[in-house]
Amino acid sequence: MPLTRDFKNTIKARAERDPEFRKALVEEASECLLDNDLDSAKAILRDYINATMGFEGLAEAVGTPSKSLMRMFGPRGNPQAKSILPVIAYIRRREHLGTTDPV
């Protein structure tokens, strides 16, 4: 079932005002990956990216074309570890999760 615009706007509004919510999204996506639930991890990360920096901003930060990132996190995307791990590492640094070196 596709997400409605209202739901996406709600996620974006909450992410803009609540740093703990953003951190929870990133932590949940990481847990999904560790539990071998790639589809849920991609969906959560896609929501996080759209609600925060957007795919263009992420592309600039990690040096991967935005179109590649959109495909990677799309419903049919099948990212390799060498593609998705730098993205997750950047997002975790951005949210100050597990590091003292902010982005």
PDB file of N, CA and C in Angstrom:
ATOM      1  N   MET A   1       0.842  -1.177   0.000  1.00  0.00           N
ATOM      2  CA  MET A   1       0.000   0.000   0.000  1.00  0.00           C
ATOM      3  C   MET A   1       0.888   1.240   0.000  1.00  0.00           C
ATOM      4  N   PRO A   2       0.730   2.127  -0.980  1.00  0.00           N
ATOM      5  CA  PRO A   2       1.546   3.346  -1.019  1.00  0.00           C
ATOM      6  C   PRO A   2       1.166   4.295   0.112  1.00  0.00           C
ATOM      7  N   LEU A   3       2.160   5.044   0.544  1.00  0.00           N
ATOM      8  CA  LEU A   3       1.914   6.024   1.591  1.00  0.00           C
ATOM      9  C   LEU A   3       1.201   7.237   1.009  1.00  0.00           C
ATOM     10  N   THR A   4       0.308   7.801   1.791  1.00  0.00           N
ATOM     11  CA  THR A   4      -0.401   8.995   1.336  1.00  0.00           C
ATOM     12  C   THR A   4       0.471  10.225   1.543  1.00  0.00           C
ATOM     13  N   ARG A   5       0.135  11.273   0.820  1.00  0.00           N
ATOM     14  CA  ARG A   5       0.876  12.526   0.963  1.00  0.00           C
ATOM     15  C   ARG A   5       0.783  13.041   2.397  1.00  0.00           C
ATOM     16  N   ASP A   6      -0.383  12.899   3.043  1.00  0.00           N
ATOM     17  CA  ASP A   6      -0.536  13.350   4.423  1.00  0.00           C
ATOM     18  C   ASP A   6       0.429  12.629   5.358  1.00  0.00           C
ATOM     19  N   PHE A   7       0.576  11.316   5.162  1.00  0.00           N
ATOM     20  CA  PHE A   7       1.487  10.554   6.003  1.00  0.00           C
ATOM     21  C   PHE A   7       2.919  11.016   5.784  1.00  0.00           C
ATOM     22  N   LYS A   8       3.319  11.192   4.542  1.00  0.00           N
ATOM     23  CA  LYS A   8       4.669  11.646   4.238  1.00  0.00           C
ATOM     24  C   LYS A   8       4.917  13.034   4.819  1.00  0.00           C
ATOM     25  N   ASN A   9       3.928  13.908   4.725  1.00  0.00           N
ATOM     26  CA  ASN A   9       4.070  15.251   5.301  1.00  0.00           C
ATOM     27  C   ASN A   9       4.174  15.194   6.818  1.00  0.00           C
ATOM     28  N   THR A  10       3.453  14.262   7.427  1.00  0.00           N
ATOM     29  CA  THR A  10       3.518  14.089   8.880  1.00  0.00           C
ATOM     30  C   THR A  10       4.910  13.637   9.299  1.00  0.00           C
ATOM     31  N   ILE A  11       5.468  12.674   8.574  1.00  0.00           N
ATOM     32  CA  ILE A  11       6.826  12.199   8.867  1.00  0.00           C
ATOM     33  C   ILE A  11       7.814  13.351   8.732  1.00  0.00           C
ATOM     34  N   LYS A  12       7.695  14.111   7.642  1.00  0.00           N
ATOM     35  CA  LYS A  12       8.612  15.226   7.395  1.00  0.00           C
ATOM     36  C   LYS A  12       8.509  16.271   8.511  1.00  0.00           C
ATOM     37  N   ALA A  13       7.292  16.636   8.880  1.00  0.00           N
ATOM     38  CA  ALA A  13       7.104  17.645   9.929  1.00  0.00           C
ATOM     39  C   ALA A  13       7.688  17.174  11.258  1.00  0.00           C
ATOM     40  N   ARG A  14       7.463  15.928  11.591  1.00  0.00           N
ATOM     41  CA  ARG A  14       7.982  15.413  12.860  1.00  0.00           C
ATOM     42  C   ARG A  14       9.511  15.336  12.830  1.00  0.00           C
ATOM     43  N   ALA A  15      10.065  14.892  11.697  1.00  0.00           N
ATOM     44  CA  ALA A  15      11.525  14.795  11.586  1.00  0.00           C
ATOM     45  C   ALA A  15      12.180  16.168  11.678  1.00  0.00           C
ATOM     46  N   GLU A  16      11.532  17.189  11.159  1.00  0.00           N
ATOM     47  CA  GLU A  16      12.085  18.542  11.206  1.00  0.00           C
ATOM     48  C   GLU A  16      12.160  19.081  12.627  1.00  0.00           C
ATOM     49  N   ARG A  17      11.206  18.702  13.457  1.00  0.00           N
ATOM     50  CA  ARG A  17      11.148  19.291  14.798  1.00  0.00           C
ATOM     51  C   ARG A  17      11.656  18.381  15.908  1.00  0.00           C
ATOM     52  N   ASP A  18      11.880  17.094  15.610  1.00  0.00           N
ATOM     53  CA  ASP A  18      12.176  16.142  16.675  1.00  0.00           C
ATOM     54  C   ASP A  18      13.422  15.311  16.365  1.00  0.00           C
ATOM     55  N   PRO A  19      14.589  15.723  16.884  1.00  0.00           N
ATOM     56  CA  PRO A  19      15.817  14.970  16.620  1.00  0.00           C
ATOM     57  C   PRO A  19      15.761  13.528  17.129  1.00  0.00           C
ATOM     58  N   GLU A  20      15.048  13.294  18.215  1.00  0.00           N
ATOM     59  CA  GLU A  20      14.942  11.920  18.739  1.00  0.00           C
ATOM     60  C   GLU A  20      14.149  11.034  17.779  1.00  0.00           C
ATOM     61  N   PHE A  21      13.176  11.581  17.104  1.00  0.00           N
ATOM     62  CA  PHE A  21      12.414  10.834  16.101  1.00  0.00           C
ATOM     63  C   PHE A  21      13.325  10.444  14.939  1.00  0.00           C
ATOM     64  N   ARG A  22      14.154  11.389  14.487  1.00  0.00           N
ATOM     65  CA  ARG A  22      15.093  11.086  13.395  1.00  0.00           C
ATOM     66  C   ARG A  22      16.049   9.968  13.812  1.00  0.00           C
ATOM     67  N   LYS A  23      16.573  10.066  15.022  1.00  0.00           N
ATOM     68  CA  LYS A  23      17.474   9.031  15.517  1.00  0.00           C
ATOM     69  C   LYS A  23      16.771   7.682  15.584  1.00  0.00           C
ATOM     70  N   ALA A  24      15.527   7.680  16.029  1.00  0.00           N
ATOM     71  CA  ALA A  24      14.772   6.428  16.119  1.00  0.00           C
ATOM     72  C   ALA A  24      14.566   5.802  14.737  1.00  0.00           C
ATOM     73  N   LEU A  25      14.328   6.627  13.733  1.00  0.00           N
ATOM     74  CA  LEU A  25      14.193   6.104  12.369  1.00  0.00           C
ATOM     75  C   LEU A  25      15.480   5.415  11.925  1.00  0.00           C
ATOM     76  N   VAL A  26      16.605   6.069  12.167  1.00  0.00           N
ATOM     77  CA  VAL A  26      17.899   5.513  11.755  1.00  0.00           C
ATOM     78  C   VAL A  26      18.206   4.233  12.529  1.00  0.00           C
ATOM     79  N   GLU A  27      17.947   4.240  13.811  1.00  0.00           N
ATOM     80  CA  GLU A  27      18.199   3.041  14.618  1.00  0.00           C
ATOM     81  C   GLU A  27      17.295   1.891  14.190  1.00  0.00           C
ATOM     82  N   GLU A  28      16.037   2.173  13.886  1.00  0.00           N
ATOM     83  CA  GLU A  28      15.111   1.130  13.443  1.00  0.00           C
ATOM     84  C   GLU A  28      15.553   0.558  12.098  1.00  0.00           C
ATOM     85  N   ALA A  29      15.974   1.412  11.187  1.00  0.00           N
ATOM     86  CA  ALA A  29      16.461   0.941   9.890  1.00  0.00           C
ATOM     87  C   ALA A  29      17.690   0.056  10.074  1.00  0.00           C
ATOM     88  N   SER A  30      18.587   0.446  10.961  1.00  0.00           N
ATOM     89  CA  SER A  30      19.784  -0.358  11.231  1.00  0.00           C
ATOM     90  C   SER A  30      19.402  -1.722  11.801  1.00  0.00           C
ATOM     91  N   GLU A  31      18.458  -1.741  12.721  1.00  0.00           N
ATOM     92  CA  GLU A  31      17.992  -3.007  13.294  1.00  0.00           C
ATOM     93  C   GLU A  31      17.350  -3.893  12.226  1.00  0.00           C
ATOM     94  N   CYS A  32      16.583  -3.294  11.343  1.00  0.00           N
ATOM     95  CA  CYS A  32      15.964  -4.070  10.263  1.00  0.00           C
ATOM     96  C   CYS A  32      17.032  -4.715   9.383  1.00  0.00           C
ATOM     97  N   LEU A  33      18.076  -3.967   9.081  1.00  0.00           N
ATOM     98  CA  LEU A  33      19.167  -4.538   8.282  1.00  0.00           C
ATOM     99  C   LEU A  33      19.818  -5.711   9.000  1.00  0.00           C
ATOM    100  N   LEU A  34      20.077  -5.538  10.282  1.00  0.00           N
ATOM    101  CA  LEU A  34      20.705  -6.613  11.052  1.00  0.00           C
ATOM    102  C   LEU A  34      19.799  -7.835  11.170  1.00  0.00           C
ATOM    103  N   ASP A  35      18.485  -7.609  11.093  1.00  0.00           N
ATOM    104  CA  ASP A  35      17.520  -8.705  11.153  1.00  0.00           C
ATOM    105  C   ASP A  35      17.191  -9.266   9.765  1.00  0.00           C
ATOM    106  N   ASN A  36      17.957  -8.851   8.759  1.00  0.00           N
ATOM    107  CA  ASN A  36      17.794  -9.320   7.383  1.00  0.00           C
ATOM    108  C   ASN A  36      16.441  -8.911   6.782  1.00  0.00           C
ATOM    109  N   ASP A  37      15.951  -7.746   7.166  1.00  0.00           N
ATOM    110  CA  ASP A  37      14.709  -7.208   6.620  1.00  0.00           C
ATOM    111  C   ASP A  37      15.049  -5.982   5.776  1.00  0.00           C
ATOM    112  N   LEU A  38      15.617  -6.226   4.600  1.00  0.00           N
ATOM    113  CA  LEU A  38      16.091  -5.157   3.730  1.00  0.00           C
ATOM    114  C   LEU A  38      14.954  -4.258   3.264  1.00  0.00           C
ATOM    115  N   ASP A  39      13.804  -4.832   2.950  1.00  0.00           N
ATOM    116  CA  ASP A  39      12.693  -4.017   2.444  1.00  0.00           C
ATOM    117  C   ASP A  39      12.241  -2.976   3.473  1.00  0.00           C
ATOM    118  N   SER A  40      12.115  -3.380   4.729  1.00  0.00           N
ATOM    119  CA  SER A  40      11.716  -2.420   5.769  1.00  0.00           C
ATOM    120  C   SER A  40      12.800  -1.375   5.988  1.00  0.00           C
ATOM    121  N   ALA A  41      14.063  -1.810   5.995  1.00  0.00           N
ATOM    122  CA  ALA A  41      15.169  -0.867   6.184  1.00  0.00           C
ATOM    123  C   ALA A  41      15.180   0.176   5.075  1.00  0.00           C
ATOM    124  N   LYS A  42      15.010  -0.255   3.831  1.00  0.00           N
ATOM    125  CA  LYS A  42      15.002   0.691   2.709  1.00  0.00           C
ATOM    126  C   LYS A  42      13.837   1.669   2.825  1.00  0.00           C
ATOM    127  N   ALA A  43      12.666   1.181   3.205  1.00  0.00           N
ATOM    128  CA  ALA A  43      11.498   2.057   3.330  1.00  0.00           C
ATOM    129  C   ALA A  43      11.708   3.110   4.415  1.00  0.00           C
ATOM    130  N   ILE A  44      12.241   2.691   5.546  1.00  0.00           N
ATOM    131  CA  ILE A  44      12.482   3.625   6.646  1.00  0.00           C
ATOM    132  C   ILE A  44      13.546   4.644   6.248  1.00  0.00           C
ATOM    133  N   LEU A  45      14.630   4.174   5.644  1.00  0.00           N
ATOM    134  CA  LEU A  45      15.676   5.096   5.209  1.00  0.00           C
ATOM    135  C   LEU A  45      15.177   6.050   4.134  1.00  0.00           C
ATOM    136  N   ARG A  46      14.350   5.569   3.221  1.00  0.00           N
ATOM    137  CA  ARG A  46      13.771   6.431   2.185  1.00  0.00           C
ATOM    138  C   ARG A  46      12.935   7.540   2.834  1.00  0.00           C
ATOM    139  N   ASP A  47      12.118   7.176   3.833  1.00  0.00           N
ATOM    140  CA  ASP A  47      11.330   8.188   4.548  1.00  0.00           C
ATOM    141  C   ASP A  47      12.248   9.187   5.247  1.00  0.00           C
ATOM    142  N   TYR A  48      13.297   8.685   5.890  1.00  0.00           N
ATOM    143  CA  TYR A  48      14.243   9.567   6.573  1.00  0.00           C
ATOM    144  C   TYR A  48      14.893  10.535   5.585  1.00  0.00           C
ATOM    145  N   ILE A  49      15.369  10.006   4.470  1.00  0.00           N
ATOM    146  CA  ILE A  49      16.054  10.841   3.471  1.00  0.00           C
ATOM    147  C   ILE A  49      15.111  11.910   2.939  1.00  0.00           C
ATOM    148  N   ASN A  50      13.909  11.502   2.570  1.00  0.00           N
ATOM    149  CA  ASN A  50      12.924  12.469   2.047  1.00  0.00           C
ATOM    150  C   ASN A  50      12.549  13.520   3.081  1.00  0.00           C
ATOM    151  N   ALA A  51      12.527  13.135   4.353  1.00  0.00           N
ATOM    152  CA  ALA A  51      12.117  14.058   5.412  1.00  0.00           C
ATOM    153  C   ALA A  51      13.246  14.983   5.864  1.00  0.00           C
ATOM    154  N   THR A  52      14.472  14.666   5.501  1.00  0.00           N
ATOM    155  CA  THR A  52      15.593  15.470   5.996  1.00  0.00           C
ATOM    156  C   THR A  52      16.325  16.156   4.848  1.00  0.00           C
ATOM    157  N   MET A  53      17.347  15.525   4.312  1.00  0.00           N
ATOM    158  CA  MET A  53      18.230  16.187   3.343  1.00  0.00           C
ATOM    159  C   MET A  53      17.820  16.018   1.899  1.00  0.00           C
ATOM    160  N   GLY A  54      16.929  15.078   1.614  1.00  0.00           N
ATOM    161  CA  GLY A  54      16.555  14.795   0.230  1.00  0.00           C
ATOM    162  C   GLY A  54      17.656  14.002  -0.471  1.00  0.00           C
ATOM    163  N   PHE A  55      17.307  13.407  -1.591  1.00  0.00           N
ATOM    164  CA  PHE A  55      18.267  12.573  -2.311  1.00  0.00           C
ATOM    165  C   PHE A  55      19.392  13.396  -2.939  1.00  0.00           C
ATOM    166  N   GLU A  56      19.114  14.617  -3.329  1.00  0.00           N
ATOM    167  CA  GLU A  56      20.178  15.467  -3.887  1.00  0.00           C
ATOM    168  C   GLU A  56      21.221  15.793  -2.830  1.00  0.00           C
ATOM    169  N   GLY A  57      20.770  16.145  -1.631  1.00  0.00           N
ATOM    170  CA  GLY A  57      21.705  16.449  -0.547  1.00  0.00           C
ATOM    171  C   GLY A  57      22.518  15.234  -0.138  1.00  0.00           C
ATOM    172  N   LEU A  58      21.863  14.084  -0.084  1.00  0.00           N
ATOM    173  CA  LEU A  58      22.571  12.850   0.251  1.00  0.00           C
ATOM    174  C   LEU A  58      23.590  12.507  -0.826  1.00  0.00           C
ATOM    175  N   ALA A  59      23.209  12.687  -2.085  1.00  0.00           N
ATOM    176  CA  ALA A  59      24.114  12.393  -3.198  1.00  0.00           C
ATOM    177  C   ALA A  59      25.390  13.209  -3.082  1.00  0.00           C
ATOM    178  N   GLU A  60      25.243  14.469  -2.763  1.00  0.00           N
ATOM    179  CA  GLU A  60      26.405  15.346  -2.602  1.00  0.00           C
ATOM    180  C   GLU A  60      27.281  14.897  -1.434  1.00  0.00           C
ATOM    181  N   ALA A  61      26.645  14.472  -0.367  1.00  0.00           N
ATOM    182  CA  ALA A  61      27.387  14.085   0.837  1.00  0.00           C
ATOM    183  C   ALA A  61      28.154  12.777   0.673  1.00  0.00           C
ATOM    184  N   VAL A  62      27.579  11.820  -0.058  1.00  0.00           N
ATOM    185  CA  VAL A  62      28.224  10.500  -0.147  1.00  0.00           C
ATOM    186  C   VAL A  62      28.885  10.241  -1.494  1.00  0.00           C
ATOM    187  N   GLY A  63      28.727  11.154  -2.451  1.00  0.00           N
ATOM    188  CA  GLY A  63      29.389  10.999  -3.737  1.00  0.00           C
ATOM    189  C   GLY A  63      28.778   9.945  -4.644  1.00  0.00           C
ATOM    190  N   THR A  64      27.490   9.706  -4.498  1.00  0.00           N
ATOM    191  CA  THR A  64      26.758   8.765  -5.341  1.00  0.00           C
ATOM    192  C   THR A  64      25.657   9.551  -6.042  1.00  0.00           C
ATOM    193  N   PRO A  65      25.444   9.333  -7.336  1.00  0.00           N
ATOM    194  CA  PRO A  65      24.391  10.075  -8.040  1.00  0.00           C
ATOM    195  C   PRO A  65      23.023   9.880  -7.382  1.00  0.00           C
ATOM    196  N   SER A  66      22.242  10.959  -7.350  1.00  0.00           N
ATOM    197  CA  SER A  66      20.940  10.905  -6.689  1.00  0.00           C
ATOM    198  C   SER A  66      20.023   9.859  -7.331  1.00  0.00           C
ATOM    199  N   LYS A  67      20.077   9.717  -8.636  1.00  0.00           N
ATOM    200  CA  LYS A  67      19.231   8.710  -9.312  1.00  0.00           C
ATOM    201  C   LYS A  67      19.596   7.301  -8.847  1.00  0.00           C
ATOM    202  N   SER A  68      20.876   7.048  -8.642  1.00  0.00           N
ATOM    203  CA  SER A  68      21.310   5.735  -8.140  1.00  0.00           C
ATOM    204  C   SER A  68      20.777   5.508  -6.725  1.00  0.00           C
ATOM    205  N   LEU A  69      20.830   6.548  -5.911  1.00  0.00           N
ATOM    206  CA  LEU A  69      20.313   6.434  -4.546  1.00  0.00           C
ATOM    207  C   LEU A  69      18.805   6.195  -4.548  1.00  0.00           C
ATOM    208  N   MET A  70      18.090   6.894  -5.415  1.00  0.00           N
ATOM    209  CA  MET A  70      16.640   6.694  -5.495  1.00  0.00           C
ATOM    210  C   MET A  70      16.302   5.263  -5.895  1.00  0.00           C
ATOM    211  N   ARG A  71      17.040   4.725  -6.855  1.00  0.00           N
ATOM    212  CA  ARG A  71      16.811   3.326  -7.254  1.00  0.00           C
ATOM    213  C   ARG A  71      17.172   2.380  -6.107  1.00  0.00           C
ATOM    214  N   MET A  72      18.292   2.657  -5.445  1.00  0.00           N
ATOM    215  CA  MET A  72      18.765   1.805  -4.359  1.00  0.00           C
ATOM    216  C   MET A  72      17.712   1.671  -3.261  1.00  0.00           C
ATOM    217  N   PHE A  73      17.080   2.780  -2.903  1.00  0.00           N
ATOM    218  CA  PHE A  73      16.118   2.778  -1.810  1.00  0.00           C
ATOM    219  C   PHE A  73      14.677   2.612  -2.282  1.00  0.00           C
ATOM    220  N   GLY A  74      14.490   2.401  -3.574  1.00  0.00           N
ATOM    221  CA  GLY A  74      13.163   2.153  -4.117  1.00  0.00           C
ATOM    222  C   GLY A  74      12.686   0.755  -3.764  1.00  0.00           C
ATOM    223  N   PRO A  75      11.402   0.485  -3.964  1.00  0.00           N
ATOM    224  CA  PRO A  75      10.823  -0.818  -3.603  1.00  0.00           C
ATOM    225  C   PRO A  75      11.503  -2.000  -4.288  1.00  0.00           C
ATOM    226  N   ARG A  76      12.007  -1.807  -5.493  1.00  0.00           N
ATOM    227  CA  ARG A  76      12.661  -2.907  -6.206  1.00  0.00           C
ATOM    228  C   ARG A  76      14.188  -2.832  -6.130  1.00  0.00           C
ATOM    229  N   GLY A  77      14.706  -1.865  -5.393  1.00  0.00           N
ATOM    230  CA  GLY A  77      16.147  -1.722  -5.258  1.00  0.00           C
ATOM    231  C   GLY A  77      16.766  -2.891  -4.514  1.00  0.00           C
ATOM    232  N   ASN A  78      17.965  -3.243  -4.912  1.00  0.00           N
ATOM    233  CA  ASN A  78      18.687  -4.337  -4.270  1.00  0.00           C
ATOM    234  C   ASN A  78      20.139  -3.898  -4.059  1.00  0.00           C
ATOM    235  N   PRO A  79      20.344  -2.986  -3.104  1.00  0.00           N
ATOM    236  CA  PRO A  79      21.679  -2.414  -2.934  1.00  0.00           C
ATOM    237  C   PRO A  79      22.689  -3.427  -2.399  1.00  0.00           C
ATOM    238  N   GLN A  80      23.911  -3.270  -2.857  1.00  0.00           N
ATOM    239  CA  GLN A  80      25.010  -4.049  -2.321  1.00  0.00           C
ATOM    240  C   GLN A  80      25.514  -3.365  -1.056  1.00  0.00           C
ATOM    241  N   ALA A  81      26.186  -4.122  -0.226  1.00  0.00           N
ATOM    242  CA  ALA A  81      26.719  -3.568   1.021  1.00  0.00           C
ATOM    243  C   ALA A  81      27.636  -2.385   0.745  1.00  0.00           C
ATOM    244  N   LYS A  82      28.460  -2.466  -0.309  1.00  0.00           N
ATOM    245  CA  LYS A  82      29.401  -1.379  -0.583  1.00  0.00           C
ATOM    246  C   LYS A  82      28.677  -0.096  -0.998  1.00  0.00           C
ATOM    247  N   SER A  83      27.414  -0.203  -1.367  1.00  0.00           N
ATOM    248  CA  SER A  83      26.633   0.980  -1.732  1.00  0.00           C
ATOM    249  C   SER A  83      25.835   1.539  -0.561  1.00  0.00           C
ATOM    250  N   ILE A  84      25.253   0.658   0.226  1.00  0.00           N
ATOM    251  CA  ILE A  84      24.347   1.119   1.279  1.00  0.00           C
ATOM    252  C   ILE A  84      25.085   1.478   2.577  1.00  0.00           C
ATOM    253  N   LEU A  85      26.192   0.804   2.864  1.00  0.00           N
ATOM    254  CA  LEU A  85      26.888   1.073   4.126  1.00  0.00           C
ATOM    255  C   LEU A  85      27.443   2.488   4.236  1.00  0.00           C
ATOM    256  N   PRO A  86      28.025   3.069   3.176  1.00  0.00           N
ATOM    257  CA  PRO A  86      28.465   4.475   3.308  1.00  0.00           C
ATOM    258  C   PRO A  86      27.303   5.437   3.572  1.00  0.00           C
ATOM    259  N   VAL A  87      26.148   5.132   3.014  1.00  0.00           N
ATOM    260  CA  VAL A  87      24.964   5.974   3.245  1.00  0.00           C
ATOM    261  C   VAL A  87      24.557   5.891   4.710  1.00  0.00           C
ATOM    262  N   ILE A  88      24.479   4.681   5.225  1.00  0.00           N
ATOM    263  CA  ILE A  88      24.087   4.511   6.623  1.00  0.00           C
ATOM    264  C   ILE A  88      25.123   5.139   7.551  1.00  0.00           C
ATOM    265  N   ALA A  89      26.385   4.975   7.233  1.00  0.00           N
ATOM    266  CA  ALA A  89      27.439   5.583   8.059  1.00  0.00           C
ATOM    267  C   ALA A  89      27.294   7.106   8.079  1.00  0.00           C
ATOM    268  N   TYR A  90      27.041   7.697   6.918  1.00  0.00           N
ATOM    269  CA  TYR A  90      26.872   9.154   6.861  1.00  0.00           C
ATOM    270  C   TYR A  90      25.658   9.594   7.695  1.00  0.00           C
ATOM    271  N   ILE A  91      24.545   8.893   7.511  1.00  0.00           N
ATOM    272  CA  ILE A  91      23.327   9.257   8.240  1.00  0.00           C
ATOM    273  C   ILE A  91      23.541   9.104   9.746  1.00  0.00           C
ATOM    274  N   ARG A  92      24.212   8.041  10.165  1.00  0.00           N
ATOM    275  CA  ARG A  92      24.474   7.849  11.596  1.00  0.00           C
ATOM    276  C   ARG A  92      25.364   8.969  12.151  1.00  0.00           C
ATOM    277  N   ARG A  93      26.370   9.385  11.383  1.00  0.00           N
ATOM    278  CA  ARG A  93      27.205  10.523  11.823  1.00  0.00           C
ATOM    279  C   ARG A  93      26.376  11.796  11.880  1.00  0.00           C
ATOM    280  N   ARG A  94      25.532  11.987  10.889  1.00  0.00           N
ATOM    281  CA  ARG A  94      24.688  13.187  10.823  1.00  0.00           C
ATOM    282  C   ARG A  94      23.790  13.304  12.050  1.00  0.00           C
ATOM    283  N   GLU A  95      23.321  12.165  12.538  1.00  0.00           N
ATOM    284  CA  GLU A  95      22.428  12.134  13.703  1.00  0.00           C
ATOM    285  C   GLU A  95      23.179  11.890  15.015  1.00  0.00           C
ATOM    286  N   HIS A  96      24.518  11.887  14.951  1.00  0.00           N
ATOM    287  CA  HIS A  96      25.361  11.705  16.142  1.00  0.00           C
ATOM    288  C   HIS A  96      25.073  10.380  16.842  1.00  0.00           C
ATOM    289  N   LEU A  97      24.949   9.332  16.060  1.00  0.00           N
ATOM    290  CA  LEU A  97      24.718   7.983  16.605  1.00  0.00           C
ATOM    291  C   LEU A  97      26.020   7.205  16.562  1.00  0.00           C
ATOM    292  N   GLY A  98      26.538   6.818  17.701  1.00  0.00           N
ATOM    293  CA  GLY A  98      27.726   5.988  17.765  1.00  0.00           C
ATOM    294  C   GLY A  98      29.011   6.667  17.372  1.00  0.00           C
ATOM    295  N   THR A  99      29.035   7.992  17.390  1.00  0.00           N
ATOM    296  CA  THR A  99      30.247   8.706  17.032  1.00  0.00           C
ATOM    297  C   THR A  99      30.267  10.053  17.741  1.00  0.00           C
ATOM    298  N   THR A 100      31.446  10.592  17.880  1.00  0.00           N
ATOM    299  CA  THR A 100      31.561  11.930  18.436  1.00  0.00           C
ATOM    300  C   THR A 100      31.980  12.929  17.378  1.00  0.00           C
ATOM    301  N   ASP A 101      32.071  12.451  16.106  1.00  0.00           N
ATOM    302  CA  ASP A 101      32.487  13.296  14.989  1.00  0.00           C
ATOM    303  C   ASP A 101      31.277  13.677  14.142  1.00  0.00           C
ATOM    304  N   PRO A 102      30.600  14.822  14.451  1.00  0.00           N
ATOM    305  CA  PRO A 102      29.399  15.174  13.702  1.00  0.00           C
ATOM    306  C   PRO A 102      29.731  15.566  12.247  1.00  0.00           C
ATOM    307  N   VAL A 103      28.724  15.431  11.412  1.00  0.00           N
ATOM    308  CA  VAL A 103      28.852  15.797   9.998  1.00  0.00           C
ATOM    309  C   VAL A 103      28.520  17.253   9.835  1.00  0.00           C
TER     310      VAL A 103
END
